[in-house]
Amino acid sequence: YPHIEIVKISGKNCINVDFSGKDGLYSAFGRFYLRVGEEDK
């Protein structure tokens, strides 16, 4: 359950999503991914 809010950055509306979780291995759309640098592997 992420924290989602509208934030103003450089005078423009943006959306910030802060998230955390400690419940084990997460999957998205039925697949598992791991962050490597700036990529989702």
Full PDB file with SEQRES, HELIX, SHEET, SSBOND, CRYST1, ORIGX, SCALE, CONECT and MASTER records, all heavy atoms in Angstrom:
SEQRES   1 A   41  TYR PRO HIS ILE GLU ILE VAL LYS ILE SER GLY LYS ASN          
SEQRES   2 A   41  CYS ILE ASN VAL ASP PHE SER GLY LYS ASP GLY LEU TYR          
SEQRES   3 A   41  SER ALA PHE GLY ARG PHE TYR LEU ARG VAL GLY GLU GLU          
SEQRES   4 A   41  ASP LYS                                                      
SHEET    1 AA1 2 HIS A   3  ILE A   9  0                                        
SHEET    2 AA1 2 LYS A  12  ASP A  18 -1                                        
SHEET    1 AA2 2 SER A  27  ALA A  28  0                                        
SHEET    2 AA2 2 ARG A  31  PHE A  32 -1                                        
SHEET    1 AA3 2 ARG A  35  VAL A  36  0                                        
SHEET    2 AA3 2 GLU A  39  ASP A  40 -1                                        
CRYST1    1.000    1.000    1.000  90.00  90.00  90.00 P 1           1          
ORIGX1      1.000000  0.000000  0.000000        0.00000                         
ORIGX2      0.000000  1.000000  0.000000        0.00000                         
ORIGX3      0.000000  0.000000  1.000000        0.00000                         
SCALE1      1.000000  0.000000  0.000000        0.00000                         
SCALE2      0.000000  1.000000  0.000000        0.00000                         
SCALE3      0.000000  0.000000  1.000000        0.00000                         
ATOM      1  N   TYR A   1       0.859  -1.184   0.000  1.00  0.00           N  
ATOM      2  CA  TYR A   1       0.000   0.000   0.000  1.00  0.00           C  
ATOM      3  C   TYR A   1       0.895   1.234   0.000  1.00  0.00           C  
ATOM      4  O   TYR A   1       1.267   1.746   1.056  1.00  0.00           O  
ATOM      5  CB  TYR A   1      -0.960  -0.043   1.188  1.00  0.00           C  
ATOM      6  CG  TYR A   1      -1.810  -1.290   1.116  1.00  0.00           C  
ATOM      7  CD1 TYR A   1      -1.448  -2.443   1.809  1.00  0.00           C  
ATOM      8  CD2 TYR A   1      -2.927  -1.336   0.296  1.00  0.00           C  
ATOM      9  CE1 TYR A   1      -2.205  -3.610   1.698  1.00  0.00           C  
ATOM     10  CE2 TYR A   1      -3.676  -2.500   0.178  1.00  0.00           C  
ATOM     11  CZ  TYR A   1      -3.311  -3.620   0.889  1.00  0.00           C  
ATOM     12  OH  TYR A   1      -4.052  -4.779   0.759  1.00  0.00           O  
ATOM     13  N   PRO A   2       1.263   1.705  -1.194  1.00  0.00           N  
ATOM     14  CA  PRO A   2       2.197   2.835  -1.281  1.00  0.00           C  
ATOM     15  C   PRO A   2       1.551   4.152  -0.879  1.00  0.00           C  
ATOM     16  O   PRO A   2       0.329   4.299  -0.886  1.00  0.00           O  
ATOM     17  CB  PRO A   2       2.565   2.855  -2.766  1.00  0.00           C  
ATOM     18  CG  PRO A   2       1.378   2.283  -3.456  1.00  0.00           C  
ATOM     19  CD  PRO A   2       0.825   1.248  -2.512  1.00  0.00           C  
ATOM     20  N   HIS A   3       2.411   5.104  -0.529  1.00  0.00           N  
ATOM     21  CA  HIS A   3       1.973   6.471  -0.258  1.00  0.00           C  
ATOM     22  C   HIS A   3       2.055   7.230  -1.585  1.00  0.00           C  
ATOM     23  O   HIS A   3       3.138   7.344  -2.166  1.00  0.00           O  
ATOM     24  CB  HIS A   3       2.865   7.112   0.801  1.00  0.00           C  
ATOM     25  CG  HIS A   3       2.506   8.536   1.078  1.00  0.00           C  
ATOM     26  ND1 HIS A   3       1.383   8.885   1.794  1.00  0.00           N  
ATOM     27  CD2 HIS A   3       3.093   9.693   0.713  1.00  0.00           C  
ATOM     28  CE1 HIS A   3       1.307  10.203   1.869  1.00  0.00           C  
ATOM     29  NE2 HIS A   3       2.332  10.715   1.213  1.00  0.00           N  
ATOM     30  N   ILE A   4       0.921   7.710  -2.074  1.00  0.00           N  
ATOM     31  CA  ILE A   4       0.864   8.381  -3.379  1.00  0.00           C  
ATOM     32  C   ILE A   4       0.364   9.803  -3.161  1.00  0.00           C  
ATOM     33  O   ILE A   4      -0.684  10.007  -2.547  1.00  0.00           O  
ATOM     34  CB  ILE A   4      -0.095   7.626  -4.339  1.00  0.00           C  
ATOM     35  CG1 ILE A   4       0.334   6.161  -4.474  1.00  0.00           C  
ATOM     36  CG2 ILE A   4      -0.130   8.308  -5.703  1.00  0.00           C  
ATOM     37  CD1 ILE A   4      -0.701   5.274  -5.166  1.00  0.00           C  
ATOM     38  N   GLU A   5       1.127  10.782  -3.676  1.00  0.00           N  
ATOM     39  CA  GLU A   5       0.715  12.173  -3.495  1.00  0.00           C  
ATOM     40  C   GLU A   5       1.135  13.030  -4.678  1.00  0.00           C  
ATOM     41  O   GLU A   5       2.075  12.709  -5.399  1.00  0.00           O  
ATOM     42  CB  GLU A   5       1.298  12.742  -2.200  1.00  0.00           C  
ATOM     43  CG  GLU A   5       2.801  12.865  -2.207  1.00  0.00           C  
ATOM     44  CD  GLU A   5       3.361  13.449  -0.927  1.00  0.00           C  
ATOM     45  OE1 GLU A   5       2.614  14.086  -0.172  1.00  0.00           O  
ATOM     46  OE2 GLU A   5       4.568  13.265  -0.696  1.00  0.00           O  
ATOM     47  N   ILE A   6       0.413  14.138  -4.845  1.00  0.00           N  
ATOM     48  CA  ILE A   6       0.747  15.127  -5.867  1.00  0.00           C  
ATOM     49  C   ILE A   6       1.775  16.075  -5.259  1.00  0.00           C  
ATOM     50  O   ILE A   6       1.588  16.553  -4.131  1.00  0.00           O  
ATOM     51  CB  ILE A   6      -0.508  15.906  -6.308  1.00  0.00           C  
ATOM     52  CG1 ILE A   6      -1.538  14.951  -6.917  1.00  0.00           C  
ATOM     53  CG2 ILE A   6      -0.134  17.011  -7.298  1.00  0.00           C  
ATOM     54  CD1 ILE A   6      -2.914  15.563  -7.129  1.00  0.00           C  
ATOM     55  N   VAL A   7       2.857  16.310  -5.989  1.00  0.00           N  
ATOM     56  CA  VAL A   7       3.884  17.239  -5.529  1.00  0.00           C  
ATOM     57  C   VAL A   7       4.179  18.234  -6.642  1.00  0.00           C  
ATOM     58  O   VAL A   7       4.091  17.908  -7.824  1.00  0.00           O  
ATOM     59  CB  VAL A   7       5.180  16.500  -5.105  1.00  0.00           C  
ATOM     60  CG1 VAL A   7       4.956  15.676  -3.859  1.00  0.00           C  
ATOM     61  CG2 VAL A   7       5.724  15.632  -6.216  1.00  0.00           C  
ATOM     62  N   LYS A   8       4.510  19.469  -6.265  1.00  0.00           N  
ATOM     63  CA  LYS A   8       4.903  20.494  -7.240  1.00  0.00           C  
ATOM     64  C   LYS A   8       6.426  20.495  -7.317  1.00  0.00           C  
ATOM     65  O   LYS A   8       7.108  20.645  -6.307  1.00  0.00           O  
ATOM     66  CB  LYS A   8       4.424  21.867  -6.797  1.00  0.00           C  
ATOM     67  CG  LYS A   8       3.004  22.151  -7.193  1.00  0.00           C  
ATOM     68  CD  LYS A   8       2.965  23.343  -8.153  1.00  0.00           C  
ATOM     69  CE  LYS A   8       1.561  23.839  -8.315  1.00  0.00           C  
ATOM     70  NZ  LYS A   8       0.908  23.360  -9.501  1.00  0.00           N  
ATOM     71  N   ILE A   9       6.930  20.293  -8.533  1.00  0.00           N  
ATOM     72  CA  ILE A   9       8.367  20.335  -8.760  1.00  0.00           C  
ATOM     73  C   ILE A   9       8.606  21.270  -9.930  1.00  0.00           C  
ATOM     74  O   ILE A   9       8.011  21.094 -10.999  1.00  0.00           O  
ATOM     75  CB  ILE A   9       8.930  18.925  -9.066  1.00  0.00           C  
ATOM     76  CG1 ILE A   9       8.613  17.968  -7.905  1.00  0.00           C  
ATOM     77  CG2 ILE A   9      10.431  18.994  -9.327  1.00  0.00           C  
ATOM     78  CD1 ILE A   9       8.912  16.517  -8.191  1.00  0.00           C  
ATOM     79  N   SER A  10       9.438  22.265  -9.711  1.00  0.00           N  
ATOM     80  CA  SER A  10       9.707  23.291 -10.739  1.00  0.00           C  
ATOM     81  C   SER A  10       8.404  23.889 -11.264  1.00  0.00           C  
ATOM     82  O   SER A  10       8.257  24.136 -12.464  1.00  0.00           O  
ATOM     83  CB  SER A  10      10.524  22.701 -11.894  1.00  0.00           C  
ATOM     84  OG  SER A  10      11.750  22.213 -11.433  1.00  0.00           O  
ATOM     85  N   GLY A  11       7.425  24.064 -10.381  1.00  0.00           N  
ATOM     86  CA  GLY A  11       6.149  24.669 -10.744  1.00  0.00           C  
ATOM     87  C   GLY A  11       5.205  23.760 -11.509  1.00  0.00           C  
ATOM     88  O   GLY A  11       4.164  24.204 -11.982  1.00  0.00           O  
ATOM     89  N   LYS A  12       5.559  22.489 -11.649  1.00  0.00           N  
ATOM     90  CA  LYS A  12       4.719  21.552 -12.405  1.00  0.00           C  
ATOM     91  C   LYS A  12       4.209  20.451 -11.490  1.00  0.00           C  
ATOM     92  O   LYS A  12       4.898  20.027 -10.560  1.00  0.00           O  
ATOM     93  CB  LYS A  12       5.523  20.934 -13.552  1.00  0.00           C  
ATOM     94  CG  LYS A  12       5.980  21.966 -14.564  1.00  0.00           C  
ATOM     95  CD  LYS A  12       6.835  21.342 -15.635  1.00  0.00           C  
ATOM     96  CE  LYS A  12       7.307  22.425 -16.605  1.00  0.00           C  
ATOM     97  NZ  LYS A  12       8.273  21.910 -17.559  1.00  0.00           N  
ATOM     98  N   ASN A  13       2.982  19.984 -11.777  1.00  0.00           N  
ATOM     99  CA  ASN A  13       2.415  18.885 -11.006  1.00  0.00           C  
ATOM    100  C   ASN A  13       3.085  17.564 -11.377  1.00  0.00           C  
ATOM    101  O   ASN A  13       3.177  17.217 -12.557  1.00  0.00           O  
ATOM    102  CB  ASN A  13       0.910  18.759 -11.258  1.00  0.00           C  
ATOM    103  CG  ASN A  13       0.118  19.810 -10.532  1.00  0.00           C  
ATOM    104  OD1 ASN A  13       0.537  20.332  -9.508  1.00  0.00           O  
ATOM    105  ND2 ASN A  13      -1.046  20.135 -11.063  1.00  0.00           N  
ATOM    106  N   CYS A  14       3.538  16.860 -10.375  1.00  0.00           N  
ATOM    107  CA  CYS A  14       4.107  15.530 -10.537  1.00  0.00           C  
ATOM    108  C   CYS A  14       3.460  14.629  -9.496  1.00  0.00           C  
ATOM    109  O   CYS A  14       2.768  15.109  -8.588  1.00  0.00           O  
ATOM    110  CB  CYS A  14       5.622  15.558 -10.328  1.00  0.00           C  
ATOM    111  SG  CYS A  14       6.507  16.559 -11.552  1.00  0.00           S  
ATOM    112  N   ILE A  15       3.672  13.344  -9.616  1.00  0.00           N  
ATOM    113  CA  ILE A  15       3.127  12.397  -8.642  1.00  0.00           C  
ATOM    114  C   ILE A  15       4.279  11.612  -8.053  1.00  0.00           C  
ATOM    115  O   ILE A  15       5.102  11.044  -8.780  1.00  0.00           O  
ATOM    116  CB  ILE A  15       2.111  11.439  -9.301  1.00  0.00           C  
ATOM    117  CG1 ILE A  15       0.935  12.228  -9.880  1.00  0.00           C  
ATOM    118  CG2 ILE A  15       1.627  10.398  -8.293  1.00  0.00           C  
ATOM    119  CD1 ILE A  15      -0.004  11.418 -10.749  1.00  0.00           C  
ATOM    120  N   ASN A  16       4.330  11.598  -6.720  1.00  0.00           N  
ATOM    121  CA  ASN A  16       5.350  10.841  -5.989  1.00  0.00           C  
ATOM    122  C   ASN A  16       4.709   9.590  -5.409  1.00  0.00           C  
ATOM    123  O   ASN A  16       3.653   9.661  -4.786  1.00  0.00           O  
ATOM    124  CB  ASN A  16       5.949  11.700  -4.874  1.00  0.00           C  
ATOM    125  CG  ASN A  16       6.852  10.908  -3.955  1.00  0.00           C  
ATOM    126  OD1 ASN A  16       6.630  10.881  -2.755  1.00  0.00           O  
ATOM    127  ND2 ASN A  16       7.856  10.255  -4.497  1.00  0.00           N  
ATOM    128  N   VAL A  17       5.343   8.446  -5.638  1.00  0.00           N  
ATOM    129  CA  VAL A  17       4.893   7.174  -5.083  1.00  0.00           C  
ATOM    130  C   VAL A  17       6.028   6.648  -4.207  1.00  0.00           C  
ATOM    131  O   VAL A  17       7.089   6.288  -4.713  1.00  0.00           O  
ATOM    132  CB  VAL A  17       4.558   6.147  -6.192  1.00  0.00           C  
ATOM    133  CG1 VAL A  17       4.059   4.848  -5.591  1.00  0.00           C  
ATOM    134  CG2 VAL A  17       3.558   6.718  -7.188  1.00  0.00           C  
ATOM    135  N   ASP A  18       5.818   6.654  -2.896  1.00  0.00           N  
ATOM    136  CA  ASP A  18       6.777   6.066  -1.956  1.00  0.00           C  
ATOM    137  C   ASP A  18       6.259   4.700  -1.579  1.00  0.00           C  
ATOM    138  O   ASP A  18       5.080   4.549  -1.232  1.00  0.00           O  
ATOM    139  CB  ASP A  18       6.916   6.922  -0.699  1.00  0.00           C  
ATOM    140  CG  ASP A  18       7.884   8.074  -0.892  1.00  0.00           C  
ATOM    141  OD1 ASP A  18       8.932   7.861  -1.530  1.00  0.00           O  
ATOM    142  OD2 ASP A  18       7.584   9.179  -0.410  1.00  0.00           O  
ATOM    143  N   PHE A  19       7.134   3.697  -1.595  1.00  0.00           N  
ATOM    144  CA  PHE A  19       6.681   2.334  -1.329  1.00  0.00           C  
ATOM    145  C   PHE A  19       7.720   1.563  -0.531  1.00  0.00           C  
ATOM    146  O   PHE A  19       8.911   1.869  -0.581  1.00  0.00           O  
ATOM    147  CB  PHE A  19       6.364   1.614  -2.647  1.00  0.00           C  
ATOM    148  CG  PHE A  19       7.497   1.634  -3.628  1.00  0.00           C  
ATOM    149  CD1 PHE A  19       8.459   0.636  -3.646  1.00  0.00           C  
ATOM    150  CD2 PHE A  19       7.616   2.677  -4.545  1.00  0.00           C  
ATOM    151  CE1 PHE A  19       9.514   0.667  -4.536  1.00  0.00           C  
ATOM    152  CE2 PHE A  19       8.668   2.714  -5.456  1.00  0.00           C  
ATOM    153  CZ  PHE A  19       9.622   1.700  -5.447  1.00  0.00           C  
ATOM    154  N   SER A  20       7.221   0.584   0.210  1.00  0.00           N  
ATOM    155  CA  SER A  20       8.114  -0.321   0.939  1.00  0.00           C  
ATOM    156  C   SER A  20       7.370  -1.624   1.168  1.00  0.00           C  
ATOM    157  O   SER A  20       6.144  -1.687   1.103  1.00  0.00           O  
ATOM    158  CB  SER A  20       8.546   0.292   2.274  1.00  0.00           C  
ATOM    159  OG  SER A  20       7.436   0.473   3.118  1.00  0.00           O  
ATOM    160  N   GLY A  21       8.143  -2.666   1.411  1.00  0.00           N  
ATOM    161  CA  GLY A  21       7.553  -3.970   1.669  1.00  0.00           C  
ATOM    162  C   GLY A  21       8.610  -4.954   2.108  1.00  0.00           C  
ATOM    163  O   GLY A  21       9.742  -4.920   1.631  1.00  0.00           O  
ATOM    164  N   LYS A  22       8.246  -5.808   3.035  1.00  0.00           N  
ATOM    165  CA  LYS A  22       9.176  -6.795   3.580  1.00  0.00           C  
ATOM    166  C   LYS A  22       8.592  -8.199   3.526  1.00  0.00           C  
ATOM    167  O   LYS A  22       9.004  -9.072   4.266  1.00  0.00           O  
ATOM    168  CB  LYS A  22       9.506  -6.442   5.042  1.00  0.00           C  
ATOM    169  CG  LYS A  22      10.071  -5.055   5.239  1.00  0.00           C  
ATOM    170  CD  LYS A  22      11.546  -5.033   4.978  1.00  0.00           C  
ATOM    171  CE  LYS A  22      12.136  -3.704   5.349  1.00  0.00           C  
ATOM    172  NZ  LYS A  22      12.796  -3.012   4.287  1.00  0.00           N  
ATOM    173  N   ASP A  23       7.612  -8.418   2.647  1.00  0.00           N  
ATOM    174  CA  ASP A  23       6.882  -9.689   2.643  1.00  0.00           C  
ATOM    175  C   ASP A  23       7.444 -10.729   1.687  1.00  0.00           C  
ATOM    176  O   ASP A  23       6.710 -11.557   1.176  1.00  0.00           O  
ATOM    177  CB  ASP A  23       5.402  -9.446   2.327  1.00  0.00           C  
ATOM    178  CG  ASP A  23       4.701  -8.746   3.476  1.00  0.00           C  
ATOM    179  OD1 ASP A  23       5.095  -8.960   4.631  1.00  0.00           O  
ATOM    180  OD2 ASP A  23       3.772  -7.980   3.207  1.00  0.00           O  
ATOM    181  N   GLY A  24       8.729 -10.675   1.410  1.00  0.00           N  
ATOM    182  CA  GLY A  24       9.302 -11.732   0.586  1.00  0.00           C  
ATOM    183  C   GLY A  24       9.502 -11.331  -0.846  1.00  0.00           C  
ATOM    184  O   GLY A  24       9.739 -10.173  -1.164  1.00  0.00           O  
ATOM    185  N   LEU A  25       9.382 -12.288  -1.709  1.00  0.00           N  
ATOM    186  CA  LEU A  25       9.630 -12.102  -3.131  1.00  0.00           C  
ATOM    187  C   LEU A  25       8.381 -11.536  -3.809  1.00  0.00           C  
ATOM    188  O   LEU A  25       7.301 -12.107  -3.708  1.00  0.00           O  
ATOM    189  CB  LEU A  25      10.012 -13.451  -3.750  1.00  0.00           C  
ATOM    190  CG  LEU A  25      10.681 -13.438  -5.100  1.00  0.00           C  
ATOM    191  CD1 LEU A  25      11.930 -12.565  -5.101  1.00  0.00           C  
ATOM    192  CD2 LEU A  25      11.061 -14.853  -5.490  1.00  0.00           C  
ATOM    193  N   TYR A  26       8.537 -10.408  -4.488  1.00  0.00           N  
ATOM    194  CA  TYR A  26       7.409  -9.738  -5.143  1.00  0.00           C  
ATOM    195  C   TYR A  26       7.369 -10.077  -6.624  1.00  0.00           C  
ATOM    196  O   TYR A  26       8.401 -10.242  -7.267  1.00  0.00           O  
ATOM    197  CB  TYR A  26       7.529  -8.217  -4.971  1.00  0.00           C  
ATOM    198  CG  TYR A  26       7.287  -7.786  -3.551  1.00  0.00           C  
ATOM    199  CD1 TYR A  26       8.331  -7.759  -2.632  1.00  0.00           C  
ATOM    200  CD2 TYR A  26       6.023  -7.438  -3.121  1.00  0.00           C  
ATOM    201  CE1 TYR A  26       8.107  -7.390  -1.315  1.00  0.00           C  
ATOM    202  CE2 TYR A  26       5.783  -7.073  -1.813  1.00  0.00           C  
ATOM    203  CZ  TYR A  26       6.830  -7.046  -0.910  1.00  0.00           C  
ATOM    204  OH  TYR A  26       6.596  -6.688   0.388  1.00  0.00           O  
ATOM    205  N   SER A  27       6.146 -10.161  -7.144  1.00  0.00           N  
ATOM    206  CA  SER A  27       5.964 -10.364  -8.580  1.00  0.00           C  
ATOM    207  C   SER A  27       5.049  -9.270  -9.125  1.00  0.00           C  
ATOM    208  O   SER A  27       4.189  -8.751  -8.415  1.00  0.00           O  
ATOM    209  CB  SER A  27       5.357 -11.744  -8.874  1.00  0.00           C  
ATOM    210  OG  SER A  27       4.018 -11.798  -8.399  1.00  0.00           O  
ATOM    211  N   ALA A  28       5.270  -8.928 -10.392  1.00  0.00           N  
ATOM    212  CA  ALA A  28       4.430  -7.961 -11.095  1.00  0.00           C  
ATOM    213  C   ALA A  28       3.926  -8.635 -12.356  1.00  0.00           C  
ATOM    214  O   ALA A  28       4.705  -9.189 -13.127  1.00  0.00           O  
ATOM    215  CB  ALA A  28       5.237  -6.715 -11.451  1.00  0.00           C  
ATOM    216  N   PHE A  29       2.618  -8.626 -12.535  1.00  0.00           N  
ATOM    217  CA  PHE A  29       1.991  -9.246 -13.707  1.00  0.00           C  
ATOM    218  C   PHE A  29       2.417 -10.710 -13.833  1.00  0.00           C  
ATOM    219  O   PHE A  29       2.625 -11.225 -14.925  1.00  0.00           O  
ATOM    220  CB  PHE A  29       2.314  -8.457 -14.988  1.00  0.00           C  
ATOM    221  CG  PHE A  29       1.872  -7.020 -14.911  1.00  0.00           C  
ATOM    222  CD1 PHE A  29       2.761  -6.028 -14.506  1.00  0.00           C  
ATOM    223  CD2 PHE A  29       0.578  -6.658 -15.225  1.00  0.00           C  
ATOM    224  CE1 PHE A  29       2.353  -4.700 -14.412  1.00  0.00           C  
ATOM    225  CE2 PHE A  29       0.159  -5.334 -15.143  1.00  0.00           C  
ATOM    226  CZ  PHE A  29       1.052  -4.363 -14.731  1.00  0.00           C  
ATOM    227  N   GLY A  30       2.604 -11.384 -12.673  1.00  0.00           N  
ATOM    228  CA  GLY A  30       2.939 -12.809 -12.657  1.00  0.00           C  
ATOM    229  C   GLY A  30       4.397 -13.133 -12.935  1.00  0.00           C  
ATOM    230  O   GLY A  30       4.744 -14.303 -13.070  1.00  0.00           O  
ATOM    231  N   ARG A  31       5.255 -12.123 -13.002  1.00  0.00           N  
ATOM    232  CA  ARG A  31       6.684 -12.359 -13.253  1.00  0.00           C  
ATOM    233  C   ARG A  31       7.511 -11.702 -12.157  1.00  0.00           C  
ATOM    234  O   ARG A  31       7.071 -10.754 -11.526  1.00  0.00           O  
ATOM    235  CB  ARG A  31       7.087 -11.804 -14.616  1.00  0.00           C  
ATOM    236  CG  ARG A  31       6.352 -12.506 -15.720  1.00  0.00           C  
ATOM    237  CD  ARG A  31       6.798 -12.052 -17.055  1.00  0.00           C  
ATOM    238  NE  ARG A  31       6.146 -12.937 -18.026  1.00  0.00           N  
ATOM    239  CZ  ARG A  31       6.671 -13.287 -19.155  1.00  0.00           C  
ATOM    240  NH1 ARG A  31       7.843 -12.841 -19.503  1.00  0.00           N  
ATOM    241  NH2 ARG A  31       6.029 -14.081 -19.976  1.00  0.00           N  
ATOM    242  N   PHE A  32       8.721 -12.199 -11.995  1.00  0.00           N  
ATOM    243  CA  PHE A  32       9.611 -11.696 -10.950  1.00  0.00           C  
ATOM    244  C   PHE A  32      10.729 -10.866 -11.576  1.00  0.00           C  
ATOM    245  O   PHE A  32      11.288 -11.235 -12.610  1.00  0.00           O  
ATOM    246  CB  PHE A  32      10.204 -12.868 -10.163  1.00  0.00           C  
ATOM    247  CG  PHE A  32       9.158 -13.645  -9.427  1.00  0.00           C  
ATOM    248  CD1 PHE A  32       8.531 -14.724 -10.030  1.00  0.00           C  
ATOM    249  CD2 PHE A  32       8.789 -13.292  -8.142  1.00  0.00           C  
ATOM    250  CE1 PHE A  32       7.550 -15.445  -9.361  1.00  0.00           C  
ATOM    251  CE2 PHE A  32       7.808 -14.007  -7.462  1.00  0.00           C  
ATOM    252  CZ  PHE A  32       7.187 -15.075  -8.072  1.00  0.00           C  
ATOM    253  N   TYR A  33      11.052  -9.741 -10.920  1.00  0.00           N  
ATOM    254  CA  TYR A  33      12.060  -8.815 -11.422  1.00  0.00           C  
ATOM    255  C   TYR A  33      12.991  -8.395 -10.295  1.00  0.00           C  
ATOM    256  O   TYR A  33      12.620  -8.421  -9.120  1.00  0.00           O  
ATOM    257  CB  TYR A  33      11.390  -7.550 -11.990  1.00  0.00           C  
ATOM    258  CG  TYR A  33      10.469  -7.820 -13.143  1.00  0.00           C  
ATOM    259  CD1 TYR A  33       9.142  -8.171 -12.941  1.00  0.00           C  
ATOM    260  CD2 TYR A  33      10.933  -7.728 -14.457  1.00  0.00           C  
ATOM    261  CE1 TYR A  33       8.293  -8.437 -14.006  1.00  0.00           C  
ATOM    262  CE2 TYR A  33      10.083  -7.984 -15.535  1.00  0.00           C  
ATOM    263  CZ  TYR A  33       8.773  -8.339 -15.300  1.00  0.00           C  
ATOM    264  OH  TYR A  33       7.936  -8.596 -16.360  1.00  0.00           O  
ATOM    265  N   LEU A  34      14.203  -7.977 -10.680  1.00  0.00           N  
ATOM    266  CA  LEU A  34      15.181  -7.483  -9.727  1.00  0.00           C  
ATOM    267  C   LEU A  34      15.824  -6.227 -10.311  1.00  0.00           C  
ATOM    268  O   LEU A  34      16.141  -6.182 -11.506  1.00  0.00           O  
ATOM    269  CB  LEU A  34      16.257  -8.546  -9.468  1.00  0.00           C  
ATOM    270  CG  LEU A  34      17.202  -8.273  -8.305  1.00  0.00           C  
ATOM    271  CD1 LEU A  34      16.447  -8.342  -6.979  1.00  0.00           C  
ATOM    272  CD2 LEU A  34      18.343  -9.283  -8.300  1.00  0.00           C  
ATOM    273  N   ARG A  35      16.008  -5.221  -9.483  1.00  0.00           N  
ATOM    274  CA  ARG A  35      16.609  -3.963  -9.922  1.00  0.00           C  
ATOM    275  C   ARG A  35      18.121  -4.135 -10.035  1.00  0.00           C  
ATOM    276  O   ARG A  35      18.771  -4.558  -9.091  1.00  0.00           O  
ATOM    277  CB  ARG A  35      16.263  -2.864  -8.916  1.00  0.00           C  
ATOM    278  CG  ARG A  35      16.644  -1.480  -9.349  1.00  0.00           C  
ATOM    279  CD  ARG A  35      15.769  -0.988 -10.462  1.00  0.00           C  
ATOM    280  NE  ARG A  35      15.895   0.453 -10.626  1.00  0.00           N  
ATOM    281  CZ  ARG A  35      15.069   1.183 -11.317  1.00  0.00           C  
ATOM    282  NH1 ARG A  35      14.044   0.632 -11.922  1.00  0.00           N  
ATOM    283  NH2 ARG A  35      15.261   2.468 -11.416  1.00  0.00           N  
ATOM    284  N   VAL A  36      18.637  -3.810 -11.197  1.00  0.00           N  
ATOM    285  CA  VAL A  36      20.080  -3.844 -11.435  1.00  0.00           C  
ATOM    286  C   VAL A  36      20.448  -2.501 -12.043  1.00  0.00           C  
ATOM    287  O   VAL A  36      20.102  -2.230 -13.198  1.00  0.00           O  
ATOM    288  CB  VAL A  36      20.478  -5.011 -12.372  1.00  0.00           C  
ATOM    289  CG1 VAL A  36      21.987  -5.006 -12.604  1.00  0.00           C  
ATOM    290  CG2 VAL A  36      20.019  -6.344 -11.810  1.00  0.00           C  
ATOM    291  N   GLY A  37      21.084  -1.652 -11.242  1.00  0.00           N  
ATOM    292  CA  GLY A  37      21.365  -0.286 -11.696  1.00  0.00           C  
ATOM    293  C   GLY A  37      20.059   0.445 -11.921  1.00  0.00           C  
ATOM    294  O   GLY A  37      19.251   0.574 -11.012  1.00  0.00           O  
ATOM    295  N   GLU A  38      19.827   0.891 -13.155  1.00  0.00           N  
ATOM    296  CA  GLU A  38      18.588   1.590 -13.494  1.00  0.00           C  
ATOM    297  C   GLU A  38      17.639   0.694 -14.268  1.00  0.00           C  
ATOM    298  O   GLU A  38      16.635   1.156 -14.799  1.00  0.00           O  
ATOM    299  CB  GLU A  38      18.911   2.823 -14.343  1.00  0.00           C  
ATOM    300  CG  GLU A  38      19.811   3.816 -13.658  1.00  0.00           C  
ATOM    301  CD  GLU A  38      20.357   4.860 -14.625  1.00  0.00           C  
ATOM    302  OE1 GLU A  38      19.833   4.998 -15.742  1.00  0.00           O  
ATOM    303  OE2 GLU A  38      21.314   5.531 -14.248  1.00  0.00           O  
ATOM    304  N   GLU A  39      17.949  -0.604 -14.343  1.00  0.00           N  
ATOM    305  CA  GLU A  39      17.134  -1.537 -15.128  1.00  0.00           C  
ATOM    306  C   GLU A  39      16.357  -2.500 -14.243  1.00  0.00           C  
ATOM    307  O   GLU A  39      16.783  -2.825 -13.143  1.00  0.00           O  
ATOM    308  CB  GLU A  39      18.043  -2.394 -16.026  1.00  0.00           C  
ATOM    309  CG  GLU A  39      18.611  -1.682 -17.204  1.00  0.00           C  
ATOM    310  CD  GLU A  39      19.374  -2.666 -18.089  1.00  0.00           C  
ATOM    311  OE1 GLU A  39      20.048  -3.564 -17.560  1.00  0.00           O  
ATOM    312  OE2 GLU A  39      19.261  -2.536 -19.310  1.00  0.00           O  
ATOM    313  N   ASP A  40      15.247  -2.973 -14.791  1.00  0.00           N  
ATOM    314  CA  ASP A  40      14.445  -3.999 -14.145  1.00  0.00           C  
ATOM    315  C   ASP A  40      14.691  -5.296 -14.902  1.00  0.00           C  
ATOM    316  O   ASP A  40      14.262  -5.444 -16.041  1.00  0.00           O  
ATOM    317  CB  ASP A  40      12.960  -3.625 -14.177  1.00  0.00           C  
ATOM    318  CG  ASP A  40      12.728  -2.266 -13.544  1.00  0.00           C  
ATOM    319  OD1 ASP A  40      13.395  -1.964 -12.543  1.00  0.00           O  
ATOM    320  OD2 ASP A  40      11.900  -1.506 -14.071  1.00  0.00           O  
ATOM    321  N   LYS A  41      15.402  -6.222 -14.271  1.00  0.00           N  
ATOM    322  CA  LYS A  41      15.809  -7.459 -14.929  1.00  0.00           C  
ATOM    323  C   LYS A  41      14.840  -8.580 -14.573  1.00  0.00           C  
ATOM    324  O   LYS A  41      14.580  -8.834 -13.400  1.00  0.00           O  
ATOM    325  CB  LYS A  41      17.227  -7.804 -14.467  1.00  0.00           C  
ATOM    326  CG  LYS A  41      17.803  -9.016 -15.096  1.00  0.00           C  
ATOM    327  CD  LYS A  41      19.219  -9.250 -14.556  1.00  0.00           C  
ATOM    328  CE  LYS A  41      19.653 -10.632 -14.947  1.00  0.00           C  
ATOM    329  NZ  LYS A  41      20.524 -11.240 -13.983  1.00  0.00           N  
TER     330      LYS A  41                                                      
MASTER        0    0    0    0    6    0    0    6  329    1    0    4          
END                                                                             
